[in-house]
Amino acid sequence: MSAKKETLGKTVGIVVAVCLACSIVVSGAAVGLRSLQNTNAALDKQSNILKAAGLAGEAVSKADIAKIYDERVEEKFVNLDTGEYVANPAEGTGKPYDMYGKVSKDPSTSVQVEGAPAGFNRRANVANVYHIKDEQGAVSRIILPVHGSGLWDLMYGLLAIDSDGKTVRELIYYQHKETPGLGGEIQNPAWQEKWDGIKLYKDGEVAVQVKKGVKPGDEYAVDALSGATLTSNGVQNTLVYWMSDNGFGPYLKNQSWKS
């Protein structure tokens, strides 16, 4: 009887020891890879911004991406209520500011979105924006982060606007869960190209539309995605919200990048 107990005890001890050793290895790997993960995440963000800026073709390597980003992109921070630039809210933390992170859930750093017109309930008080500089150092484009609900979940994108503050150059979606071949066509280059030259405002009001049967020459509308009505409506609702006074409207009216 005692031999059986001793054998069982040894077995349990070995199992516990193996589990403990495995947990230490996994934890160590996670810590060791964290720096690499953060680097890759930053590189992916820079790559998407360069794509929206129309500069992706110049970057053929990771080093190119970082170099062009440093030379041509300036990150700024905007108080969405006033449209004015503010200091980096994450200054001194050692981490990049993330308008989609904890700040968007904390009542002290975000506001409630009444009615959730774009499919989310809160938005951060301060948003990241990106100035794209030409070779002379003047701002040629403004990149605005936008997000809103599609069919299945939130869709995250980057809207590139001319320095006039009202003409679209690119609408790039980089994260979504839309159905491949249907709503997933928001990433189709052929559909993305339709946004070049689209106007956001008419007589001071948000006028951009995503709809079926767009007439040739209509500079305020883009054809809806075939078979993806809810995704198309999501894009429409996203742009209407973020271009209004609830989002980047005050900032685009101020055109502070020209001063």
C-alpha atoms as a PDB file:
ATOM      1  CA  MET A   1       0.000   0.000   0.000  1.00  0.00           C
ATOM      2  CA  SER A   2       2.752   2.433   0.909  1.00  0.00           C
ATOM      3  CA  ALA A   3       4.656   1.546  -2.269  1.00  0.00           C
ATOM      4  CA  LYS A   4       1.608   2.425  -4.361  1.00  0.00           C
ATOM      5  CA  LYS A   5       1.225   5.731  -2.530  1.00  0.00           C
ATOM      6  CA  GLU A   6       4.909   6.456  -3.014  1.00  0.00           C
ATOM      7  CA  THR A   7       4.614   5.687  -6.746  1.00  0.00           C
ATOM      8  CA  LEU A   8       1.540   7.917  -7.091  1.00  0.00           C
ATOM      9  CA  GLY A   9       3.297  10.702  -5.222  1.00  0.00           C
ATOM     10  CA  LYS A  10       6.319  10.525  -7.495  1.00  0.00           C
ATOM     11  CA  THR A  11       4.074  10.571 -10.586  1.00  0.00           C
ATOM     12  CA  VAL A  12       2.202  13.635  -9.391  1.00  0.00           C
ATOM     13  CA  GLY A  13       5.473  15.306  -8.491  1.00  0.00           C
ATOM     14  CA  ILE A  14       6.916  14.686 -11.939  1.00  0.00           C
ATOM     15  CA  VAL A  15       3.760  16.014 -13.608  1.00  0.00           C
ATOM     16  CA  VAL A  16       3.857  19.176 -11.494  1.00  0.00           C
ATOM     17  CA  ALA A  17       7.545  19.671 -12.205  1.00  0.00           C
ATOM     18  CA  VAL A  18       7.043  19.263 -15.959  1.00  0.00           C
ATOM     19  CA  CYS A  19       4.104  21.700 -15.945  1.00  0.00           C
ATOM     20  CA  LEU A  20       6.116  24.229 -13.959  1.00  0.00           C
ATOM     21  CA  ALA A  21       9.074  23.924 -16.320  1.00  0.00           C
ATOM     22  CA  CYS A  22       6.818  24.361 -19.369  1.00  0.00           C
ATOM     23  CA  SER A  23       5.151  27.436 -17.870  1.00  0.00           C
ATOM     24  CA  ILE A  24       8.552  28.998 -17.200  1.00  0.00           C
ATOM     25  CA  VAL A  25       9.646  28.348 -20.786  1.00  0.00           C
ATOM     26  CA  VAL A  26       6.422  29.767 -22.241  1.00  0.00           C
ATOM     27  CA  SER A  27       6.548  32.839 -19.993  1.00  0.00           C
ATOM     28  CA  GLY A  28      10.165  33.418 -20.858  1.00  0.00           C
ATOM     29  CA  ALA A  29       9.442  33.134 -24.577  1.00  0.00           C
ATOM     30  CA  ALA A  30       6.548  35.601 -24.300  1.00  0.00           C
ATOM     31  CA  VAL A  31       8.727  38.141 -22.515  1.00  0.00           C
ATOM     32  CA  GLY A  32      11.583  37.602 -24.927  1.00  0.00           C
ATOM     33  CA  LEU A  33       9.360  38.044 -27.983  1.00  0.00           C
ATOM     34  CA  ARG A  34       7.520  41.102 -26.672  1.00  0.00           C
ATOM     35  CA  SER A  35      10.108  43.509 -28.025  1.00  0.00           C
ATOM     36  CA  LEU A  36       9.967  41.870 -31.461  1.00  0.00           C
ATOM     37  CA  GLN A  37       6.163  41.931 -31.428  1.00  0.00           C
ATOM     38  CA  ASN A  38       6.143  45.635 -30.566  1.00  0.00           C
ATOM     39  CA  THR A  39       8.651  46.346 -33.336  1.00  0.00           C
ATOM     40  CA  ASN A  40       6.577  44.440 -35.896  1.00  0.00           C
ATOM     41  CA  ALA A  41       3.386  46.196 -34.780  1.00  0.00           C
ATOM     42  CA  ALA A  42       5.049  49.609 -35.187  1.00  0.00           C
ATOM     43  CA  LEU A  43       6.381  48.613 -38.608  1.00  0.00           C
ATOM     44  CA  ASP A  44       2.940  47.422 -39.719  1.00  0.00           C
ATOM     45  CA  LYS A  45       1.407  50.717 -38.597  1.00  0.00           C
ATOM     46  CA  GLN A  46       4.050  52.702 -40.480  1.00  0.00           C
ATOM     47  CA  SER A  47       3.510  50.569 -43.591  1.00  0.00           C
ATOM     48  CA  ASN A  48      -0.256  51.217 -43.579  1.00  0.00           C
ATOM     49  CA  ILE A  49       0.270  54.956 -43.114  1.00  0.00           C
ATOM     50  CA  LEU A  50       2.702  55.048 -46.042  1.00  0.00           C
ATOM     51  CA  LYS A  51       0.161  53.165 -48.139  1.00  0.00           C
ATOM     52  CA  ALA A  52      -2.499  55.767 -47.320  1.00  0.00           C
ATOM     53  CA  ALA A  53       0.057  58.473 -48.056  1.00  0.00           C
ATOM     54  CA  GLY A  54       0.725  57.060 -51.513  1.00  0.00           C
ATOM     55  CA  LEU A  55       4.345  56.340 -50.576  1.00  0.00           C
ATOM     56  CA  ALA A  56       4.247  52.560 -50.196  1.00  0.00           C
ATOM     57  CA  GLY A  57       5.779  52.017 -53.636  1.00  0.00           C
ATOM     58  CA  GLU A  58       8.996  53.662 -52.482  1.00  0.00           C
ATOM     59  CA  ALA A  59       9.471  51.223 -49.594  1.00  0.00           C
ATOM     60  CA  VAL A  60      10.843  47.834 -50.627  1.00  0.00           C
ATOM     61  CA  SER A  61      12.322  46.796 -47.289  1.00  0.00           C
ATOM     62  CA  LYS A  62      11.743  47.250 -43.577  1.00  0.00           C
ATOM     63  CA  ALA A  63      14.576  49.744 -43.469  1.00  0.00           C
ATOM     64  CA  ASP A  64      12.955  51.716 -46.296  1.00  0.00           C
ATOM     65  CA  ILE A  65       9.642  51.841 -44.451  1.00  0.00           C
ATOM     66  CA  ALA A  66      11.243  53.233 -41.298  1.00  0.00           C
ATOM     67  CA  LYS A  67      13.400  55.701 -43.226  1.00  0.00           C
ATOM     68  CA  ILE A  68      10.585  57.092 -45.397  1.00  0.00           C
ATOM     69  CA  TYR A  69       8.248  57.265 -42.414  1.00  0.00           C
ATOM     70  CA  ASP A  70      10.780  59.264 -40.393  1.00  0.00           C
ATOM     71  CA  GLU A  71      11.419  61.630 -43.304  1.00  0.00           C
ATOM     72  CA  ARG A  72       7.882  62.186 -44.581  1.00  0.00           C
ATOM     73  CA  VAL A  73       5.451  61.547 -41.709  1.00  0.00           C
ATOM     74  CA  GLU A  74       4.803  63.647 -38.623  1.00  0.00           C
ATOM     75  CA  GLU A  75       2.465  62.318 -35.962  1.00  0.00           C
ATOM     76  CA  LYS A  76       0.303  64.924 -34.230  1.00  0.00           C
ATOM     77  CA  PHE A  77      -2.419  64.770 -31.575  1.00  0.00           C
ATOM     78  CA  VAL A  78      -5.746  66.553 -31.833  1.00  0.00           C
ATOM     79  CA  ASN A  79      -8.406  67.389 -29.273  1.00  0.00           C
ATOM     80  CA  LEU A  80     -11.506  66.317 -31.190  1.00  0.00           C
ATOM     81  CA  ASP A  81     -13.800  68.747 -29.375  1.00  0.00           C
ATOM     82  CA  THR A  82     -11.787  71.828 -30.319  1.00  0.00           C
ATOM     83  CA  GLY A  83      -9.872  70.619 -33.367  1.00  0.00           C
ATOM     84  CA  GLU A  84      -6.668  72.001 -31.851  1.00  0.00           C
ATOM     85  CA  TYR A  85      -3.316  70.255 -31.471  1.00  0.00           C
ATOM     86  CA  VAL A  86      -2.343  69.057 -28.013  1.00  0.00           C
ATOM     87  CA  ALA A  87       0.714  67.423 -26.478  1.00  0.00           C
ATOM     88  CA  ASN A  88       1.172  63.672 -26.771  1.00  0.00           C
ATOM     89  CA  PRO A  89      -1.069  62.214 -24.008  1.00  0.00           C
ATOM     90  CA  ALA A  90       1.350  59.296 -23.626  1.00  0.00           C
ATOM     91  CA  GLU A  91       4.435  61.487 -23.226  1.00  0.00           C
ATOM     92  CA  GLY A  92       6.753  60.049 -20.594  1.00  0.00           C
ATOM     93  CA  THR A  93       5.086  56.630 -20.475  1.00  0.00           C
ATOM     94  CA  GLY A  94       7.481  54.976 -22.901  1.00  0.00           C
ATOM     95  CA  LYS A  95       4.526  53.722 -24.922  1.00  0.00           C
ATOM     96  CA  PRO A  96       2.849  55.059 -28.085  1.00  0.00           C
ATOM     97  CA  TYR A  97      -0.503  56.790 -27.693  1.00  0.00           C
ATOM     98  CA  ASP A  98      -3.366  54.515 -28.773  1.00  0.00           C
ATOM     99  CA  MET A  99      -6.750  56.195 -29.307  1.00  0.00           C
ATOM    100  CA  TYR A 100      -8.344  52.737 -29.521  1.00  0.00           C
ATOM    101  CA  GLY A 101      -6.833  51.436 -26.291  1.00  0.00           C
ATOM    102  CA  LYS A 102      -7.721  52.031 -22.664  1.00  0.00           C
ATOM    103  CA  VAL A 103      -8.232  55.765 -23.224  1.00  0.00           C
ATOM    104  CA  SER A 104     -11.323  55.020 -25.345  1.00  0.00           C
ATOM    105  CA  LYS A 105     -12.938  53.205 -22.411  1.00  0.00           C
ATOM    106  CA  ASP A 106     -11.938  55.507 -19.554  1.00  0.00           C
ATOM    107  CA  PRO A 107     -14.616  58.187 -18.885  1.00  0.00           C
ATOM    108  CA  SER A 108     -11.872  60.661 -17.966  1.00  0.00           C
ATOM    109  CA  THR A 109     -10.241  60.397 -21.406  1.00  0.00           C
ATOM    110  CA  SER A 110     -13.230  59.624 -23.636  1.00  0.00           C
ATOM    111  CA  VAL A 111     -16.843  60.588 -24.317  1.00  0.00           C
ATOM    112  CA  GLN A 112     -20.040  58.617 -24.724  1.00  0.00           C
ATOM    113  CA  VAL A 113     -21.237  58.365 -28.323  1.00  0.00           C
ATOM    114  CA  GLU A 114     -24.975  58.906 -28.213  1.00  0.00           C
ATOM    115  CA  GLY A 115     -26.903  56.435 -30.338  1.00  0.00           C
ATOM    116  CA  ALA A 116     -23.666  54.797 -31.542  1.00  0.00           C
ATOM    117  CA  PRO A 117     -24.210  55.917 -35.163  1.00  0.00           C
ATOM    118  CA  ALA A 118     -20.955  54.301 -36.291  1.00  0.00           C
ATOM    119  CA  GLY A 119     -21.335  51.226 -34.112  1.00  0.00           C
ATOM    120  CA  PHE A 120     -19.153  52.069 -31.099  1.00  0.00           C
ATOM    121  CA  ASN A 121     -20.176  53.524 -27.754  1.00  0.00           C
ATOM    122  CA  ARG A 122     -17.193  55.656 -26.734  1.00  0.00           C
ATOM    123  CA  ARG A 123     -14.442  57.578 -28.485  1.00  0.00           C
ATOM    124  CA  ALA A 124     -11.198  59.026 -27.154  1.00  0.00           C
ATOM    125  CA  ASN A 125     -10.996  62.771 -26.517  1.00  0.00           C
ATOM    126  CA  VAL A 126      -7.666  62.944 -28.338  1.00  0.00           C
ATOM    127  CA  ALA A 127      -6.933  61.363 -31.730  1.00  0.00           C
ATOM    128  CA  ASN A 128      -3.731  60.631 -33.607  1.00  0.00           C
ATOM    129  CA  VAL A 129      -3.363  62.364 -36.978  1.00  0.00           C
ATOM    130  CA  TYR A 130      -0.496  62.140 -39.446  1.00  0.00           C
ATOM    131  CA  HIS A 131       0.952  64.916 -41.598  1.00  0.00           C
ATOM    132  CA  ILE A 132       2.513  63.776 -44.858  1.00  0.00           C
ATOM    133  CA  LYS A 133       5.248  66.145 -45.974  1.00  0.00           C
ATOM    134  CA  ASP A 134       6.352  66.793 -49.547  1.00  0.00           C
ATOM    135  CA  GLU A 135      10.019  67.217 -50.470  1.00  0.00           C
ATOM    136  CA  GLN A 136       9.855  70.906 -49.522  1.00  0.00           C
ATOM    137  CA  GLY A 137       8.461  70.089 -46.080  1.00  0.00           C
ATOM    138  CA  ALA A 138       4.912  71.337 -46.729  1.00  0.00           C
ATOM    139  CA  VAL A 139       1.936  69.209 -45.668  1.00  0.00           C
ATOM    140  CA  SER A 140       0.549  67.459 -48.755  1.00  0.00           C
ATOM    141  CA  ARG A 141      -1.852  65.036 -47.104  1.00  0.00           C
ATOM    142  CA  ILE A 142      -3.518  64.445 -43.759  1.00  0.00           C
ATOM    143  CA  ILE A 143      -4.034  60.849 -42.607  1.00  0.00           C
ATOM    144  CA  LEU A 144      -6.946  60.341 -40.221  1.00  0.00           C
ATOM    145  CA  PRO A 145      -7.638  57.074 -38.367  1.00  0.00           C
ATOM    146  CA  VAL A 146     -11.306  56.058 -38.638  1.00  0.00           C
ATOM    147  CA  HIS A 147     -13.292  53.067 -37.448  1.00  0.00           C
ATOM    148  CA  GLY A 148     -16.872  51.852 -37.352  1.00  0.00           C
ATOM    149  CA  SER A 149     -19.006  48.718 -37.503  1.00  0.00           C
ATOM    150  CA  GLY A 150     -19.281  46.538 -40.583  1.00  0.00           C
ATOM    151  CA  LEU A 151     -21.326  43.357 -40.861  1.00  0.00           C
ATOM    152  CA  TRP A 152     -19.481  41.346 -38.209  1.00  0.00           C
ATOM    153  CA  ASP A 153     -17.323  43.681 -36.168  1.00  0.00           C
ATOM    154  CA  LEU A 154     -15.515  47.016 -36.130  1.00  0.00           C
ATOM    155  CA  MET A 155     -13.512  47.934 -39.224  1.00  0.00           C
ATOM    156  CA  TYR A 156     -10.357  50.028 -38.798  1.00  0.00           C
ATOM    157  CA  GLY A 157      -9.051  52.257 -41.551  1.00  0.00           C
ATOM    158  CA  LEU A 158      -6.985  55.264 -42.562  1.00  0.00           C
ATOM    159  CA  LEU A 159      -8.493  58.133 -44.534  1.00  0.00           C
ATOM    160  CA  ALA A 160      -6.046  60.224 -46.552  1.00  0.00           C
ATOM    161  CA  ILE A 161      -7.199  63.773 -47.359  1.00  0.00           C
ATOM    162  CA  ASP A 162      -5.606  66.483 -49.470  1.00  0.00           C
ATOM    163  CA  SER A 163      -4.262  69.557 -47.708  1.00  0.00           C
ATOM    164  CA  ASP A 164      -7.496  71.318 -48.759  1.00  0.00           C
ATOM    165  CA  GLY A 165      -9.207  69.383 -45.938  1.00  0.00           C
ATOM    166  CA  LYS A 166     -12.063  68.079 -48.090  1.00  0.00           C
ATOM    167  CA  THR A 167     -10.776  65.889 -50.936  1.00  0.00           C
ATOM    168  CA  VAL A 168     -10.168  62.158 -50.367  1.00  0.00           C
ATOM    169  CA  ARG A 169      -7.069  60.517 -51.831  1.00  0.00           C
ATOM    170  CA  GLU A 170      -7.134  57.108 -50.163  1.00  0.00           C
ATOM    171  CA  LEU A 171      -9.370  55.043 -47.892  1.00  0.00           C
ATOM    172  CA  ILE A 172      -7.366  52.088 -46.611  1.00  0.00           C
ATOM    173  CA  TYR A 173      -8.897  49.425 -44.371  1.00  0.00           C
ATOM    174  CA  TYR A 174      -6.233  47.421 -42.574  1.00  0.00           C
ATOM    175  CA  GLN A 175      -8.252  45.457 -39.959  1.00  0.00           C
ATOM    176  CA  HIS A 176     -11.734  43.950 -40.285  1.00  0.00           C
ATOM    177  CA  LYS A 177     -13.701  40.680 -40.123  1.00  0.00           C
ATOM    178  CA  GLU A 178     -15.850  41.151 -43.205  1.00  0.00           C
ATOM    179  CA  THR A 179     -16.754  38.215 -45.462  1.00  0.00           C
ATOM    180  CA  PRO A 180     -14.109  37.435 -48.111  1.00  0.00           C
ATOM    181  CA  GLY A 181     -15.396  38.180 -51.612  1.00  0.00           C
ATOM    182  CA  LEU A 182     -18.207  40.361 -50.270  1.00  0.00           C
ATOM    183  CA  GLY A 183     -17.582  42.907 -47.519  1.00  0.00           C
ATOM    184  CA  GLY A 184     -13.914  41.957 -47.616  1.00  0.00           C
ATOM    185  CA  GLU A 185     -13.759  43.793 -50.943  1.00  0.00           C
ATOM    186  CA  ILE A 186     -13.129  46.985 -48.978  1.00  0.00           C
ATOM    187  CA  GLN A 187      -9.490  45.943 -49.388  1.00  0.00           C
ATOM    188  CA  ASN A 188      -9.787  45.423 -53.133  1.00  0.00           C
ATOM    189  CA  PRO A 189      -7.462  47.937 -54.887  1.00  0.00           C
ATOM    190  CA  ALA A 190     -10.094  48.475 -57.609  1.00  0.00           C
ATOM    191  CA  TRP A 191     -12.619  49.685 -55.016  1.00  0.00           C
ATOM    192  CA  GLN A 192     -10.020  51.672 -53.103  1.00  0.00           C
ATOM    193  CA  GLU A 193      -9.095  53.555 -56.290  1.00  0.00           C
ATOM    194  CA  LYS A 194     -12.652  54.867 -56.580  1.00  0.00           C
ATOM    195  CA  TRP A 195     -12.062  57.083 -53.551  1.00  0.00           C
ATOM    196  CA  ASP A 196      -9.391  59.196 -55.199  1.00  0.00           C
ATOM    197  CA  GLY A 197     -10.847  62.697 -55.709  1.00  0.00           C
ATOM    198  CA  ILE A 198     -14.104  62.160 -53.796  1.00  0.00           C
ATOM    199  CA  LYS A 199     -15.308  65.271 -51.939  1.00  0.00           C
ATOM    200  CA  LEU A 200     -16.307  65.050 -48.287  1.00  0.00           C
ATOM    201  CA  TYR A 201     -18.283  68.284 -47.865  1.00  0.00           C
ATOM    202  CA  LYS A 202     -20.852  70.303 -49.786  1.00  0.00           C
ATOM    203  CA  ASP A 203     -21.954  73.699 -48.508  1.00  0.00           C
ATOM    204  CA  GLY A 204     -20.201  72.949 -45.220  1.00  0.00           C
ATOM    205  CA  GLU A 205     -22.078  69.697 -44.584  1.00  0.00           C
ATOM    206  CA  VAL A 206     -20.833  66.106 -44.798  1.00  0.00           C
ATOM    207  CA  ALA A 207     -21.930  64.964 -48.255  1.00  0.00           C
ATOM    208  CA  VAL A 208     -19.898  61.832 -48.995  1.00  0.00           C
ATOM    209  CA  GLN A 209     -22.005  58.742 -49.801  1.00  0.00           C
ATOM    210  CA  VAL A 210     -21.539  55.030 -50.422  1.00  0.00           C
ATOM    211  CA  LYS A 211     -24.476  53.933 -52.529  1.00  0.00           C
ATOM    212  CA  LYS A 212     -25.620  51.897 -55.513  1.00  0.00           C
ATOM    213  CA  GLY A 213     -25.998  53.403 -58.959  1.00  0.00           C
ATOM    214  CA  VAL A 214     -23.518  56.264 -58.707  1.00  0.00           C
ATOM    215  CA  LYS A 215     -23.784  58.481 -61.783  1.00  0.00           C
ATOM    216  CA  PRO A 216     -20.623  59.320 -63.741  1.00  0.00           C
ATOM    217  CA  GLY A 217     -19.107  62.566 -62.552  1.00  0.00           C
ATOM    218  CA  ASP A 218     -20.652  62.418 -59.080  1.00  0.00           C
ATOM    219  CA  GLU A 219     -17.754  63.640 -56.955  1.00  0.00           C
ATOM    220  CA  TYR A 220     -19.512  62.973 -53.652  1.00  0.00           C
ATOM    221  CA  ALA A 221     -20.315  59.257 -54.017  1.00  0.00           C
ATOM    222  CA  VAL A 222     -18.648  55.856 -54.375  1.00  0.00           C
ATOM    223  CA  ASP A 223     -20.367  52.684 -55.576  1.00  0.00           C
ATOM    224  CA  ALA A 224     -21.492  50.369 -52.788  1.00  0.00           C
ATOM    225  CA  LEU A 225     -19.928  46.913 -52.671  1.00  0.00           C
ATOM    226  CA  SER A 226     -21.960  44.300 -54.544  1.00  0.00           C
ATOM    227  CA  GLY A 227     -23.682  41.876 -52.154  1.00  0.00           C
ATOM    228  CA  ALA A 228     -22.346  43.679 -49.083  1.00  0.00           C
ATOM    229  CA  THR A 229     -24.979  46.235 -48.155  1.00  0.00           C
ATOM    230  CA  LEU A 230     -24.229  46.218 -44.430  1.00  0.00           C
ATOM    231  CA  THR A 231     -20.502  46.646 -44.985  1.00  0.00           C
ATOM    232  CA  SER A 232     -21.142  49.520 -47.399  1.00  0.00           C
ATOM    233  CA  ASN A 233     -23.524  51.112 -44.908  1.00  0.00           C
ATOM    234  CA  GLY A 234     -20.828  50.696 -42.264  1.00  0.00           C
ATOM    235  CA  VAL A 235     -18.319  52.616 -44.382  1.00  0.00           C
ATOM    236  CA  GLN A 236     -20.911  55.326 -44.979  1.00  0.00           C
ATOM    237  CA  ASN A 237     -21.774  55.631 -41.281  1.00  0.00           C
ATOM    238  CA  THR A 238     -18.090  55.645 -40.331  1.00  0.00           C
ATOM    239  CA  LEU A 239     -17.241  58.533 -42.639  1.00  0.00           C
ATOM    240  CA  VAL A 240     -20.322  60.578 -41.740  1.00  0.00           C
ATOM    241  CA  TYR A 241     -19.497  60.264 -38.040  1.00  0.00           C
ATOM    242  CA  TRP A 242     -15.765  60.980 -38.254  1.00  0.00           C
ATOM    243  CA  MET A 243     -16.111  63.854 -40.726  1.00  0.00           C
ATOM    244  CA  SER A 244     -18.830  65.518 -38.636  1.00  0.00           C
ATOM    245  CA  ASP A 245     -18.401  67.805 -35.625  1.00  0.00           C
ATOM    246  CA  ASN A 246     -18.438  64.642 -33.472  1.00  0.00           C
ATOM    247  CA  GLY A 247     -15.163  63.523 -35.014  1.00  0.00           C
ATOM    248  CA  PHE A 248     -12.569  65.341 -37.108  1.00  0.00           C
ATOM    249  CA  GLY A 249     -14.948  68.059 -38.341  1.00  0.00           C
ATOM    250  CA  PRO A 250     -13.568  70.843 -36.097  1.00  0.00           C
ATOM    251  CA  TYR A 251      -9.992  69.903 -36.986  1.00  0.00           C
ATOM    252  CA  LEU A 252     -10.651  69.920 -40.738  1.00  0.00           C
ATOM    253  CA  LYS A 253     -12.386  73.288 -40.473  1.00  0.00           C
ATOM    254  CA  ASN A 254      -9.468  74.787 -38.545  1.00  0.00           C
ATOM    255  CA  GLN A 255      -6.908  73.526 -41.092  1.00  0.00           C
ATOM    256  CA  SER A 256      -4.236  74.069 -38.468  1.00  0.00           C
ATOM    257  CA  TRP A 257      -1.655  72.248 -40.593  1.00  0.00           C
ATOM    258  CA  LYS A 258      -1.460  75.317 -42.833  1.00  0.00           C
ATOM    259  CA  SER A 259      -0.406  77.669 -40.061  1.00  0.00           C
END
